[in-house]
Amino acid sequence: MPPYHLRFFFEPGVSDTPLWPYDLDSPYGYPCELERLPISPATRAELERLCEWYQSSIDWDYPPDPSPWPAAERELFREQSDAALGALRRELGDGWTVEDRR
């Protein structure tokens, strides 16, 4: 398997994937379509859940405003996204690089 390089970050308005390949012609789509990746359904579901949750961190009435999340929710999101990134890296294995760009 050739090496694949993905960037991991959450994007306002994108509620289905936190993964973005460097190659616009990636066989996994741009942004990555999680169902195309060799990961478990549980990891896929967790990444989708986190993407949806992330959208609530934005004040959609005026997005430049600070996040409406309290500090405890920001920390919980960080912890859970760290855990999901770890699971993703383990499942993809050595042929993949997943760069944390949060």
N, C-alpha and C. Protein backbone atom coordinates (compact mmCIF):
# COMPACT_ATOMS: atom_id res chain seq x y z
N MET A 1 0.85 -1.19 0.00
CA MET A 1 0.00 0.00 0.00
C MET A 1 0.89 1.24 0.00
N PRO A 2 0.63 2.21 -0.87
CA PRO A 2 1.41 3.43 -0.86
C PRO A 2 1.10 4.25 0.38
N PRO A 3 2.04 5.10 0.79
CA PRO A 3 1.75 5.92 1.98
C PRO A 3 0.69 6.97 1.66
N TYR A 4 -0.21 7.16 2.58
CA TYR A 4 -1.25 8.17 2.45
C TYR A 4 -1.06 9.19 3.56
N HIS A 5 -1.31 10.44 3.22
CA HIS A 5 -1.12 11.53 4.17
C HIS A 5 -2.42 12.31 4.27
N LEU A 6 -2.99 12.32 5.47
CA LEU A 6 -4.24 13.03 5.74
C LEU A 6 -4.02 14.10 6.79
N ARG A 7 -4.82 15.13 6.73
CA ARG A 7 -4.84 16.15 7.77
C ARG A 7 -6.13 15.97 8.57
N PHE A 8 -6.02 16.10 9.89
CA PHE A 8 -7.15 15.91 10.81
C PHE A 8 -7.49 17.27 11.41
N PHE A 9 -8.67 17.79 11.07
CA PHE A 9 -9.16 19.02 11.69
C PHE A 9 -10.66 19.13 11.44
N PHE A 10 -11.28 19.94 12.27
CA PHE A 10 -12.72 20.16 12.17
C PHE A 10 -12.95 21.48 11.45
N GLU A 11 -13.92 21.47 10.55
CA GLU A 11 -14.18 22.62 9.68
C GLU A 11 -15.62 23.10 9.88
N PRO A 12 -15.81 24.41 10.09
CA PRO A 12 -17.17 24.92 10.19
C PRO A 12 -17.98 24.57 8.93
N GLY A 13 -19.18 24.08 9.16
CA GLY A 13 -20.08 23.73 8.06
C GLY A 13 -19.87 22.33 7.49
N VAL A 14 -18.84 21.63 7.94
CA VAL A 14 -18.58 20.26 7.46
C VAL A 14 -18.88 19.32 8.62
N SER A 15 -19.99 18.61 8.53
CA SER A 15 -20.43 17.80 9.67
C SER A 15 -20.28 16.31 9.46
N ASP A 16 -19.49 15.89 8.44
CA ASP A 16 -19.39 14.45 8.21
C ASP A 16 -17.97 13.90 8.18
N THR A 17 -16.94 14.75 8.20
CA THR A 17 -15.57 14.25 8.19
C THR A 17 -14.59 15.28 8.72
N PRO A 18 -13.60 14.83 9.50
CA PRO A 18 -12.52 15.72 9.92
C PRO A 18 -11.22 15.45 9.15
N LEU A 19 -11.31 14.71 8.04
CA LEU A 19 -10.10 14.27 7.33
C LEU A 19 -10.01 14.88 5.95
N TRP A 20 -8.84 15.42 5.66
CA TRP A 20 -8.59 16.13 4.40
C TRP A 20 -7.27 15.64 3.84
N PRO A 21 -7.30 15.01 2.66
CA PRO A 21 -6.04 14.54 2.06
C PRO A 21 -5.25 15.71 1.49
N TYR A 22 -3.95 15.53 1.35
CA TYR A 22 -3.14 16.53 0.66
C TYR A 22 -3.37 16.46 -0.84
N ASP A 23 -3.66 15.28 -1.32
CA ASP A 23 -3.86 15.05 -2.76
C ASP A 23 -5.32 15.28 -3.12
N LEU A 24 -5.58 16.29 -3.93
CA LEU A 24 -6.97 16.57 -4.32
C LEU A 24 -7.60 15.42 -5.10
N ASP A 25 -6.77 14.58 -5.69
CA ASP A 25 -7.26 13.43 -6.45
C ASP A 25 -7.22 12.15 -5.63
N SER A 26 -7.31 12.27 -4.33
CA SER A 26 -7.26 11.12 -3.44
C SER A 26 -8.36 10.11 -3.79
N PRO A 27 -8.03 8.82 -3.75
CA PRO A 27 -9.07 7.81 -3.98
C PRO A 27 -10.11 7.78 -2.86
N TYR A 28 -9.86 8.54 -1.79
CA TYR A 28 -10.78 8.57 -0.65
C TYR A 28 -11.64 9.82 -0.65
N GLY A 29 -11.54 10.63 -1.71
CA GLY A 29 -12.34 11.84 -1.82
C GLY A 29 -11.67 13.03 -1.19
N TYR A 30 -12.21 14.20 -1.48
CA TYR A 30 -11.72 15.44 -0.89
C TYR A 30 -12.91 16.31 -0.54
N PRO A 31 -13.23 16.48 0.75
CA PRO A 31 -12.59 15.83 1.89
C PRO A 31 -12.84 14.33 1.89
N CYS A 32 -12.16 13.62 2.77
CA CYS A 32 -12.27 12.17 2.79
C CYS A 32 -13.70 11.73 3.09
N GLU A 33 -14.14 10.76 2.34
CA GLU A 33 -15.41 10.11 2.63
C GLU A 33 -15.10 8.94 3.56
N LEU A 34 -15.53 9.06 4.78
CA LEU A 34 -15.14 8.10 5.81
C LEU A 34 -15.47 6.66 5.44
N GLU A 35 -16.57 6.44 4.71
CA GLU A 35 -16.93 5.07 4.36
C GLU A 35 -15.93 4.44 3.40
N ARG A 36 -15.09 5.23 2.76
CA ARG A 36 -14.07 4.69 1.86
C ARG A 36 -12.79 4.26 2.58
N LEU A 37 -12.62 4.72 3.81
CA LEU A 37 -11.40 4.41 4.56
C LEU A 37 -11.48 3.05 5.22
N PRO A 38 -10.34 2.38 5.36
CA PRO A 38 -10.33 1.07 6.03
C PRO A 38 -10.33 1.22 7.55
N ILE A 39 -11.47 1.70 8.07
CA ILE A 39 -11.63 1.88 9.52
C ILE A 39 -12.92 1.21 9.95
N SER A 40 -13.02 0.97 11.24
CA SER A 40 -14.20 0.29 11.77
C SER A 40 -15.43 1.19 11.74
N PRO A 41 -16.60 0.58 11.71
CA PRO A 41 -17.84 1.37 11.80
C PRO A 41 -17.89 2.22 13.08
N ALA A 42 -17.34 1.71 14.17
CA ALA A 42 -17.35 2.47 15.43
C ALA A 42 -16.50 3.73 15.32
N THR A 43 -15.33 3.64 14.72
CA THR A 43 -14.47 4.82 14.56
C THR A 43 -15.11 5.80 13.59
N ARG A 44 -15.67 5.29 12.53
CA ARG A 44 -16.37 6.15 11.56
C ARG A 44 -17.50 6.92 12.26
N ALA A 45 -18.30 6.22 13.04
CA ALA A 45 -19.41 6.86 13.74
C ALA A 45 -18.91 7.90 14.74
N GLU A 46 -17.82 7.61 15.42
CA GLU A 46 -17.28 8.56 16.40
C GLU A 46 -16.76 9.82 15.70
N LEU A 47 -16.09 9.68 14.58
CA LEU A 47 -15.62 10.85 13.84
C LEU A 47 -16.79 11.70 13.34
N GLU A 48 -17.83 11.05 12.87
CA GLU A 48 -19.02 11.79 12.42
C GLU A 48 -19.69 12.50 13.59
N ARG A 49 -19.77 11.83 14.73
CA ARG A 49 -20.37 12.43 15.94
C ARG A 49 -19.59 13.67 16.36
N LEU A 50 -18.27 13.56 16.35
CA LEU A 50 -17.44 14.70 16.74
C LEU A 50 -17.59 15.87 15.77
N CYS A 51 -17.68 15.58 14.48
CA CYS A 51 -17.88 16.64 13.49
C CYS A 51 -19.19 17.38 13.73
N GLU A 52 -20.25 16.63 14.00
CA GLU A 52 -21.54 17.26 14.28
C GLU A 52 -21.47 18.08 15.56
N TRP A 53 -20.83 17.53 16.59
CA TRP A 53 -20.71 18.23 17.87
C TRP A 53 -19.91 19.52 17.68
N TYR A 54 -18.84 19.46 16.90
CA TYR A 54 -18.01 20.63 16.66
C TYR A 54 -18.83 21.81 16.13
N GLN A 55 -19.83 21.53 15.31
CA GLN A 55 -20.64 22.61 14.73
C GLN A 55 -21.31 23.46 15.82
N SER A 56 -21.58 22.86 16.98
CA SER A 56 -22.20 23.62 18.07
C SER A 56 -21.20 24.52 18.79
N SER A 57 -19.91 24.43 18.43
CA SER A 57 -18.90 25.29 19.04
C SER A 57 -18.86 26.67 18.38
N ILE A 58 -19.66 26.85 17.35
CA ILE A 58 -19.65 28.08 16.56
C ILE A 58 -20.92 28.87 16.83
N ASP A 59 -20.76 30.16 17.02
CA ASP A 59 -21.92 31.05 17.14
C ASP A 59 -22.37 31.36 15.71
N TRP A 60 -23.36 30.62 15.24
CA TRP A 60 -23.78 30.75 13.84
C TRP A 60 -24.48 32.07 13.55
N ASP A 61 -24.92 32.80 14.58
CA ASP A 61 -25.48 34.13 14.34
C ASP A 61 -24.38 35.10 13.93
N TYR A 62 -23.18 34.91 14.50
CA TYR A 62 -22.03 35.73 14.15
C TYR A 62 -20.78 34.90 14.39
N PRO A 63 -20.37 34.09 13.41
CA PRO A 63 -19.28 33.13 13.58
C PRO A 63 -17.95 33.68 14.11
N PRO A 64 -17.58 34.95 13.85
CA PRO A 64 -16.32 35.43 14.43
C PRO A 64 -16.34 35.56 15.96
N ASP A 65 -17.53 35.58 16.55
CA ASP A 65 -17.62 35.68 18.01
C ASP A 65 -16.97 34.46 18.66
N PRO A 66 -16.61 34.59 19.93
CA PRO A 66 -16.06 33.43 20.65
C PRO A 66 -17.05 32.27 20.69
N SER A 67 -16.53 31.10 20.89
CA SER A 67 -17.36 29.90 20.98
C SER A 67 -18.33 30.00 22.15
N PRO A 68 -19.55 29.51 21.97
CA PRO A 68 -20.49 29.48 23.09
C PRO A 68 -20.19 28.35 24.09
N TRP A 69 -19.23 27.49 23.76
CA TRP A 69 -18.91 26.39 24.67
C TRP A 69 -18.21 26.90 25.93
N PRO A 70 -18.60 26.37 27.09
CA PRO A 70 -17.84 26.65 28.30
C PRO A 70 -16.51 25.87 28.26
N ALA A 71 -15.60 26.24 29.11
CA ALA A 71 -14.27 25.62 29.15
C ALA A 71 -14.36 24.10 29.33
N ALA A 72 -15.28 23.63 30.15
CA ALA A 72 -15.39 22.19 30.39
C ALA A 72 -15.78 21.45 29.12
N GLU A 73 -16.65 22.03 28.31
CA GLU A 73 -17.05 21.37 27.07
C GLU A 73 -15.90 21.38 26.06
N ARG A 74 -15.14 22.49 25.99
CA ARG A 74 -13.97 22.53 25.11
C ARG A 74 -12.98 21.44 25.47
N GLU A 75 -12.75 21.26 26.76
CA GLU A 75 -11.81 20.23 27.23
C GLU A 75 -12.34 18.83 26.93
N LEU A 76 -13.62 18.59 27.15
CA LEU A 76 -14.20 17.28 26.86
C LEU A 76 -14.11 16.97 25.37
N PHE A 77 -14.39 17.96 24.53
CA PHE A 77 -14.28 17.76 23.09
C PHE A 77 -12.84 17.44 22.71
N ARG A 78 -11.88 18.16 23.28
CA ARG A 78 -10.47 17.91 22.98
C ARG A 78 -10.08 16.49 23.39
N GLU A 79 -10.49 16.07 24.56
CA GLU A 79 -10.16 14.71 25.03
C GLU A 79 -10.76 13.65 24.11
N GLN A 80 -12.02 13.82 23.74
CA GLN A 80 -12.67 12.82 22.90
C GLN A 80 -12.13 12.84 21.48
N SER A 81 -11.77 14.01 20.96
CA SER A 81 -11.18 14.04 19.62
C SER A 81 -9.76 13.48 19.63
N ASP A 82 -9.02 13.67 20.73
CA ASP A 82 -7.70 13.03 20.87
C ASP A 82 -7.84 11.50 20.83
N ALA A 83 -8.84 10.98 21.55
CA ALA A 83 -9.06 9.54 21.58
C ALA A 83 -9.45 9.02 20.20
N ALA A 84 -10.30 9.75 19.49
CA ALA A 84 -10.71 9.33 18.15
C ALA A 84 -9.52 9.36 17.18
N LEU A 85 -8.68 10.37 17.29
CA LEU A 85 -7.49 10.45 16.44
C LEU A 85 -6.56 9.27 16.71
N GLY A 86 -6.39 8.91 17.97
CA GLY A 86 -5.57 7.74 18.31
C GLY A 86 -6.12 6.46 17.72
N ALA A 87 -7.43 6.27 17.84
CA ALA A 87 -8.06 5.07 17.27
C ALA A 87 -7.91 5.05 15.76
N LEU A 88 -8.11 6.19 15.12
CA LEU A 88 -7.97 6.29 13.67
C LEU A 88 -6.56 5.91 13.23
N ARG A 89 -5.56 6.45 13.90
CA ARG A 89 -4.17 6.14 13.54
C ARG A 89 -3.87 4.65 13.73
N ARG A 90 -4.36 4.08 14.81
CA ARG A 90 -4.13 2.64 15.04
C ARG A 90 -4.78 1.80 13.95
N GLU A 91 -5.99 2.14 13.58
CA GLU A 91 -6.72 1.35 12.58
C GLU A 91 -6.12 1.50 11.18
N LEU A 92 -5.68 2.69 10.83
CA LEU A 92 -5.10 2.88 9.51
C LEU A 92 -3.72 2.23 9.40
N GLY A 93 -2.95 2.27 10.46
CA GLY A 93 -1.66 1.58 10.48
C GLY A 93 -0.51 2.37 9.87
N ASP A 94 0.58 1.65 9.65
CA ASP A 94 1.85 2.27 9.26
C ASP A 94 1.87 2.89 7.87
N GLY A 95 1.03 2.48 6.98
CA GLY A 95 1.04 3.03 5.63
C GLY A 95 0.40 4.41 5.54
N TRP A 96 -0.04 4.95 6.67
CA TRP A 96 -0.77 6.21 6.69
C TRP A 96 -0.12 7.19 7.66
N THR A 97 -0.17 8.45 7.30
CA THR A 97 0.19 9.54 8.22
C THR A 97 -1.06 10.37 8.40
N VAL A 98 -1.45 10.57 9.65
CA VAL A 98 -2.59 11.44 9.95
C VAL A 98 -2.03 12.58 10.80
N GLU A 99 -1.94 13.74 10.18
CA GLU A 99 -1.37 14.93 10.81
C GLU A 99 -2.45 15.68 11.58
N ASP A 100 -2.19 15.94 12.84
CA ASP A 100 -3.13 16.68 13.69
C ASP A 100 -3.00 18.16 13.37
N ARG A 101 -4.02 18.74 12.73
CA ARG A 101 -4.00 20.15 12.34
C ARG A 101 -5.09 20.95 13.06
N ARG A 102 -5.54 20.43 14.21
CA ARG A 102 -6.60 21.15 14.93
C ARG A 102 -6.10 22.47 15.46
